[in-house]
PDB file of N, CA and C in Angstrom:
ATOM      1  N   MET A   1       4.972  -7.118  16.560  1.00  0.00           N
ATOM      2  CA  MET A   1       4.145  -7.674  15.404  1.00  0.00           C
ATOM      3  C   MET A   1       4.574  -9.095  15.217  1.00  0.00           C
ATOM      4  N   THR A   2       3.602  -9.977  15.099  1.00  0.00           N
ATOM      5  CA  THR A   2       3.816 -11.344  14.907  1.00  0.00           C
ATOM      6  C   THR A   2       4.197 -11.657  13.519  1.00  0.00           C
ATOM      7  N   GLU A   3       4.749 -12.914  13.280  1.00  0.00           N
ATOM      8  CA  GLU A   3       5.084 -13.305  11.960  1.00  0.00           C
ATOM      9  C   GLU A   3       3.883 -13.304  10.961  1.00  0.00           C
ATOM     10  N   GLU A   4       2.685 -13.674  11.530  1.00  0.00           N
ATOM     11  CA  GLU A   4       1.571 -13.850  10.727  1.00  0.00           C
ATOM     12  C   GLU A   4       1.075 -12.356  10.385  1.00  0.00           C
ATOM     13  N   GLU A   5       1.262 -11.340  11.275  1.00  0.00           N
ATOM     14  CA  GLU A   5       0.871  -9.962  10.901  1.00  0.00           C
ATOM     15  C   GLU A   5       1.863  -9.324   9.870  1.00  0.00           C
ATOM     16  N   LYS A   6       3.117  -9.794   9.909  1.00  0.00           N
ATOM     17  CA  LYS A   6       4.112  -9.298   8.890  1.00  0.00           C
ATOM     18  C   LYS A   6       3.690  -9.603   7.574  1.00  0.00           C
ATOM     19  N   GLY A   7       3.011 -10.648   7.295  1.00  0.00           N
ATOM     20  CA  GLY A   7       2.664 -11.109   5.855  1.00  0.00           C
ATOM     21  C   GLY A   7       1.378 -10.497   5.502  1.00  0.00           C
ATOM     22  N   LYS A   8       0.683  -9.867   6.351  1.00  0.00           N
ATOM     23  CA  LYS A   8      -0.708  -9.381   5.877  1.00  0.00           C
ATOM     24  C   LYS A   8      -0.533  -7.949   5.530  1.00  0.00           C
ATOM     25  N   PRO A   9      -1.415  -7.446   4.535  1.00  0.00           N
ATOM     26  CA  PRO A   9      -1.259  -6.083   4.103  1.00  0.00           C
ATOM     27  C   PRO A   9      -1.809  -5.115   5.251  1.00  0.00           C
ATOM     28  N   GLU A  10      -1.327  -3.886   5.159  1.00  0.00           N
ATOM     29  CA  GLU A  10      -1.839  -2.960   6.262  1.00  0.00           C
ATOM     30  C   GLU A  10      -3.235  -2.642   5.806  1.00  0.00           C
ATOM     31  N   MET A  11      -4.043  -2.509   6.794  1.00  0.00           N
ATOM     32  CA  MET A  11      -5.402  -2.202   6.621  1.00  0.00           C
ATOM     33  C   MET A  11      -5.602  -0.732   6.807  1.00  0.00           C
ATOM     34  N   GLY A  12      -6.499  -0.078   6.142  1.00  0.00           N
ATOM     35  CA  GLY A  12      -6.631   1.335   6.203  1.00  0.00           C
ATOM     36  C   GLY A  12      -7.819   1.722   6.934  1.00  0.00           C
ATOM     37  N   THR A  13      -8.133   3.044   6.823  1.00  0.00           N
ATOM     38  CA  THR A  13      -9.369   3.603   7.567  1.00  0.00           C
ATOM     39  C   THR A  13     -10.062   4.319   6.533  1.00  0.00           C
ATOM     40  N   CYS A  14     -11.418   4.197   6.490  1.00  0.00           N
ATOM     41  CA  CYS A  14     -12.224   4.987   5.450  1.00  0.00           C
ATOM     42  C   CYS A  14     -12.109   6.408   5.757  1.00  0.00           C
ATOM     43  N   PHE A  15     -11.750   7.249   4.647  1.00  0.00           N
ATOM     44  CA  PHE A  15     -11.713   8.702   4.920  1.00  0.00           C
ATOM     45  C   PHE A  15     -12.992   9.266   5.023  1.00  0.00           C
ATOM     46  N   SER A  16     -14.146   8.713   4.630  1.00  0.00           N
ATOM     47  CA  SER A  16     -15.437   9.179   4.732  1.00  0.00           C
ATOM     48  C   SER A  16     -16.127   8.936   6.073  1.00  0.00           C
ATOM     49  N   CYS A  17     -16.083   7.698   6.457  1.00  0.00           N
ATOM     50  CA  CYS A  17     -16.893   7.346   7.623  1.00  0.00           C
ATOM     51  C   CYS A  17     -16.021   6.952   8.761  1.00  0.00           C
ATOM     52  N   GLY A  18     -14.707   6.571   8.472  1.00  0.00           N
ATOM     53  CA  GLY A  18     -13.848   6.355   9.599  1.00  0.00           C
ATOM     54  C   GLY A  18     -13.743   4.702   9.895  1.00  0.00           C
ATOM     55  N   SER A  19     -14.643   3.931   9.233  1.00  0.00           N
ATOM     56  CA  SER A  19     -14.571   2.519   9.419  1.00  0.00           C
ATOM     57  C   SER A  19     -13.207   1.909   9.275  1.00  0.00           C
ATOM     58  N   ASP A  20     -12.931   0.866  10.051  1.00  0.00           N
ATOM     59  CA  ASP A  20     -11.619   0.135   9.803  1.00  0.00           C
ATOM     60  C   ASP A  20     -11.898  -1.131   8.950  1.00  0.00           C
ATOM     61  N   LYS A  21     -13.184  -1.279   8.456  1.00  0.00           N
ATOM     62  CA  LYS A  21     -13.484  -2.438   7.666  1.00  0.00           C
ATOM     63  C   LYS A  21     -13.228  -2.137   6.146  1.00  0.00           C
ATOM     64  N   VAL A  22     -12.024  -2.065   5.815  1.00  0.00           N
ATOM     65  CA  VAL A  22     -11.524  -1.462   4.568  1.00  0.00           C
ATOM     66  C   VAL A  22     -10.693  -2.640   3.859  1.00  0.00           C
ATOM     67  N   GLU A  23     -10.990  -2.854   2.564  1.00  0.00           N
ATOM     68  CA  GLU A  23     -10.187  -3.862   1.804  1.00  0.00           C
ATOM     69  C   GLU A  23      -9.313  -3.076   0.928  1.00  0.00           C
ATOM     70  N   ILE A  24      -8.185  -3.401   0.907  1.00  0.00           N
ATOM     71  CA  ILE A  24      -7.125  -2.755  -0.077  1.00  0.00           C
ATOM     72  C   ILE A  24      -7.169  -3.425  -1.416  1.00  0.00           C
ATOM     73  N   MET A  25      -7.176  -2.601  -2.487  1.00  0.00           N
ATOM     74  CA  MET A  25      -7.236  -3.155  -3.842  1.00  0.00           C
ATOM     75  C   MET A  25      -6.044  -2.424  -4.498  1.00  0.00           C
ATOM     76  N   THR A  26      -5.567  -3.040  -5.603  1.00  0.00           N
ATOM     77  CA  THR A  26      -4.521  -2.492  -6.445  1.00  0.00           C
ATOM     78  C   THR A  26      -4.903  -2.818  -7.876  1.00  0.00           C
ATOM     79  N   ARG A  27      -4.359  -1.955  -8.812  1.00  0.00           N
ATOM     80  CA  ARG A  27      -4.563  -2.073 -10.089  1.00  0.00           C
ATOM     81  C   ARG A  27      -3.169  -2.516 -10.823  1.00  0.00           C
ATOM     82  N   VAL A  28      -3.109  -3.751 -11.326  1.00  0.00           N
ATOM     83  CA  VAL A  28      -1.979  -4.104 -12.050  1.00  0.00           C
ATOM     84  C   VAL A  28      -2.368  -4.469 -13.468  1.00  0.00           C
ATOM     85  N   THR A  29      -1.704  -3.937 -14.383  1.00  0.00           N
ATOM     86  CA  THR A  29      -1.926  -4.113 -15.841  1.00  0.00           C
ATOM     87  C   THR A  29      -3.357  -3.943 -16.237  1.00  0.00           C
ATOM     88  N   GLY A  30      -4.159  -3.001 -15.540  1.00  0.00           N
ATOM     89  CA  GLY A  30      -5.455  -2.732 -16.093  1.00  0.00           C
ATOM     90  C   GLY A  30      -6.513  -3.457 -15.274  1.00  0.00           C
ATOM     91  N   PHE A  31      -6.103  -4.453 -14.336  1.00  0.00           N
ATOM     92  CA  PHE A  31      -7.041  -5.281 -13.565  1.00  0.00           C
ATOM     93  C   PHE A  31      -6.988  -4.955 -12.151  1.00  0.00           C
ATOM     94  N   PHE A  32      -8.166  -4.761 -11.428  1.00  0.00           N
ATOM     95  CA  PHE A  32      -8.157  -4.643  -9.952  1.00  0.00           C
ATOM     96  C   PHE A  32      -8.174  -5.982  -9.206  1.00  0.00           C
ATOM     97  N   SER A  33      -7.407  -6.002  -8.164  1.00  0.00           N
ATOM     98  CA  SER A  33      -7.206  -7.215  -7.342  1.00  0.00           C
ATOM     99  C   SER A  33      -7.132  -6.924  -5.901  1.00  0.00           C
ATOM    100  N   LYS A  34      -7.804  -7.797  -5.120  1.00  0.00           N
ATOM    101  CA  LYS A  34      -7.860  -7.600  -3.639  1.00  0.00           C
ATOM    102  C   LYS A  34      -6.488  -8.060  -3.127  1.00  0.00           C
ATOM    103  N   VAL A  35      -5.789  -7.267  -2.446  1.00  0.00           N
ATOM    104  CA  VAL A  35      -4.558  -7.439  -1.846  1.00  0.00           C
ATOM    105  C   VAL A  35      -4.480  -8.670  -0.811  1.00  0.00           C
ATOM    106  N   ASN A  36      -5.597  -8.796  -0.068  1.00  0.00           N
ATOM    107  CA  ASN A  36      -5.661  -9.869   1.048  1.00  0.00           C
ATOM    108  C   ASN A  36      -5.465 -11.293   0.379  1.00  0.00           C
ATOM    109  N   SER A  37      -5.591 -11.460  -0.812  1.00  0.00           N
ATOM    110  CA  SER A  37      -5.515 -12.733  -1.396  1.00  0.00           C
ATOM    111  C   SER A  37      -3.991 -13.040  -1.892  1.00  0.00           C
ATOM    112  N   TRP A  38      -3.178 -12.060  -1.763  1.00  0.00           N
ATOM    113  CA  TRP A  38      -1.765 -12.209  -2.229  1.00  0.00           C
ATOM    114  C   TRP A  38      -0.909 -12.952  -1.156  1.00  0.00           C
ATOM    115  N   ASN A  39       0.082 -13.660  -1.573  1.00  0.00           N
ATOM    116  CA  ASN A  39       1.071 -14.309  -0.788  1.00  0.00           C
ATOM    117  C   ASN A  39       2.077 -13.176  -0.193  1.00  0.00           C
ATOM    118  N   LYS A  40       2.891 -13.687   0.797  1.00  0.00           N
ATOM    119  CA  LYS A  40       3.807 -12.721   1.448  1.00  0.00           C
ATOM    120  C   LYS A  40       4.839 -11.957   0.419  1.00  0.00           C
ATOM    121  N   GLY A  41       5.339 -12.767  -0.565  1.00  0.00           N
ATOM    122  CA  GLY A  41       6.228 -12.181  -1.587  1.00  0.00           C
ATOM    123  C   GLY A  41       5.535 -10.939  -2.355  1.00  0.00           C
ATOM    124  N   LYS A  42       4.400 -11.201  -2.831  1.00  0.00           N
ATOM    125  CA  LYS A  42       3.700 -10.218  -3.571  1.00  0.00           C
ATOM    126  C   LYS A  42       3.313  -8.947  -2.651  1.00  0.00           C
ATOM    127  N   ILE A  43       2.931  -9.222  -1.427  1.00  0.00           N
ATOM    128  CA  ILE A  43       2.685  -8.120  -0.511  1.00  0.00           C
ATOM    129  C   ILE A  43       3.963  -7.302  -0.332  1.00  0.00           C
ATOM    130  N   GLY A  44       5.038  -8.031  -0.101  1.00  0.00           N
ATOM    131  CA  GLY A  44       6.375  -7.324   0.173  1.00  0.00           C
ATOM    132  C   GLY A  44       6.679  -6.399  -1.145  1.00  0.00           C
ATOM    133  N   GLU A  45       6.434  -6.950  -2.377  1.00  0.00           N
ATOM    134  CA  GLU A  45       6.716  -6.150  -3.542  1.00  0.00           C
ATOM    135  C   GLU A  45       5.842  -4.893  -3.527  1.00  0.00           C
ATOM    136  N   LEU A  46       4.665  -5.036  -3.140  1.00  0.00           N
ATOM    137  CA  LEU A  46       3.662  -3.816  -3.142  1.00  0.00           C
ATOM    138  C   LEU A  46       4.246  -2.830  -2.032  1.00  0.00           C
ATOM    139  N   LYS A  47       4.674  -3.185  -0.946  1.00  0.00           N
ATOM    140  CA  LYS A  47       5.121  -2.328   0.018  1.00  0.00           C
ATOM    141  C   LYS A  47       6.439  -1.522  -0.374  1.00  0.00           C
ATOM    142  N   LYS A  48       7.236  -2.345  -1.162  1.00  0.00           N
ATOM    143  CA  LYS A  48       8.384  -1.697  -1.668  1.00  0.00           C
ATOM    144  C   LYS A  48       8.087  -0.663  -2.745  1.00  0.00           C
ATOM    145  N   ARG A  49       7.115  -0.933  -3.560  1.00  0.00           N
ATOM    146  CA  ARG A  49       6.715   0.065  -4.601  1.00  0.00           C
ATOM    147  C   ARG A  49       5.959   1.213  -3.958  1.00  0.00           C
ATOM    148  N   ARG A  50       5.305   1.121  -2.918  1.00  0.00           N
ATOM    149  CA  ARG A  50       4.600   2.232  -2.156  1.00  0.00           C
ATOM    150  C   ARG A  50       5.826   3.002  -1.539  1.00  0.00           C
ATOM    151  N   ASP A  51       6.709   2.476  -0.901  1.00  0.00           N
ATOM    152  CA  ASP A  51       7.768   3.205  -0.285  1.00  0.00           C
ATOM    153  C   ASP A  51       8.686   3.862  -1.434  1.00  0.00           C
ATOM    154  N   ALA A  52       8.843   3.325  -2.577  1.00  0.00           N
ATOM    155  CA  ALA A  52       9.489   4.043  -3.644  1.00  0.00           C
ATOM    156  C   ALA A  52       8.853   5.147  -4.202  1.00  0.00           C
ATOM    157  N   ILE A  53       7.500   5.098  -4.322  1.00  0.00           N
ATOM    158  CA  ILE A  53       6.651   6.184  -4.840  1.00  0.00           C
ATOM    159  C   ILE A  53       6.657   7.315  -3.758  1.00  0.00           C
ATOM    160  N   LYS A  54       6.527   7.015  -2.468  1.00  0.00           N
ATOM    161  CA  LYS A  54       6.638   8.048  -1.407  1.00  0.00           C
ATOM    162  C   LYS A  54       7.922   8.808  -1.534  1.00  0.00           C
ATOM    163  N   GLY A  55       9.108   8.094  -1.581  1.00  0.00           N
ATOM    164  CA  GLY A  55      10.369   8.747  -1.683  1.00  0.00           C
ATOM    165  C   GLY A  55      10.482   9.603  -2.979  1.00  0.00           C
ATOM    166  N   ASN A  56       9.894   9.096  -4.073  1.00  0.00           N
ATOM    167  CA  ASN A  56       9.920   9.973  -5.316  1.00  0.00           C
ATOM    168  C   ASN A  56       9.147  11.305  -5.201  1.00  0.00           C
ATOM    169  N   ASN A  57       8.009  11.192  -4.387  1.00  0.00           N
ATOM    170  CA  ASN A  57       7.119  12.260  -4.310  1.00  0.00           C
ATOM    171  C   ASN A  57       7.836  13.236  -3.361  1.00  0.00           C
ATOM    172  N   GLN A  58       8.464  12.808  -2.354  1.00  0.00           N
ATOM    173  CA  GLN A  58       9.124  13.696  -1.363  1.00  0.00           C
ATOM    174  C   GLN A  58      10.275  14.440  -2.039  1.00  0.00           C
ATOM    175  N   ALA A  59      11.075  13.644  -2.888  1.00  0.00           N
ATOM    176  CA  ALA A  59      12.103  14.312  -3.612  1.00  0.00           C
ATOM    177  C   ALA A  59      11.632  15.403  -4.571  1.00  0.00           C
ATOM    178  N   LEU A  60      10.537  15.166  -5.291  1.00  0.00           N
ATOM    179  CA  LEU A  60       9.885  16.065  -6.215  1.00  0.00           C
ATOM    180  C   LEU A  60       9.462  17.328  -5.465  1.00  0.00           C
ATOM    181  N   LYS A  61       8.896  17.068  -4.250  1.00  0.00           N
ATOM    182  CA  LYS A  61       8.334  18.179  -3.445  1.00  0.00           C
ATOM    183  C   LYS A  61       9.480  19.025  -2.974  1.00  0.00           C
ATOM    184  N   MET A  62      10.597  18.458  -2.621  1.00  0.00           N
ATOM    185  CA  MET A  62      11.762  19.225  -2.141  1.00  0.00           C
ATOM    186  C   MET A  62      12.313  20.030  -3.275  1.00  0.00           C
ATOM    187  N   LYS A  63      12.311  19.336  -4.503  1.00  0.00           N
ATOM    188  CA  LYS A  63      12.917  20.036  -5.735  1.00  0.00           C
ATOM    189  C   LYS A  63      12.084  21.239  -6.064  1.00  0.00           C
ATOM    190  N   ASN A  64      10.802  21.069  -5.958  1.00  0.00           N
ATOM    191  CA  ASN A  64       9.874  22.196  -6.365  1.00  0.00           C
ATOM    192  C   ASN A  64       9.820  23.387  -5.339  1.00  0.00           C
ATOM    193  N   GLU A  65      10.284  23.148  -4.216  1.00  0.00           N
ATOM    194  CA  GLU A  65      10.292  24.211  -3.136  1.00  0.00           C
ATOM    195  C   GLU A  65      11.462  25.082  -3.307  1.00  0.00           C
ATOM    196  N   THR A  66      12.522  24.480  -3.979  1.00  0.00           N
ATOM    197  CA  THR A  66      13.707  25.373  -4.082  1.00  0.00           C
ATOM    198  C   THR A  66      13.787  26.248  -5.320  1.00  0.00           C
TER     199      THR A  66
END
């Protein structure tokens, strides 16, 4: 991965048609924003939040299975 790619948000795939022409958007304080216009710092914060949410969901799932 190049330095330029590290600063870009991960692009997804459309669940409906499979297209890779997908723009990632997020909702912050009630407003939607295209992530591709964010700087590297903001994108890094978003990735950390996503990782934390995934970790919390996994912990809850494990707790509920016991």
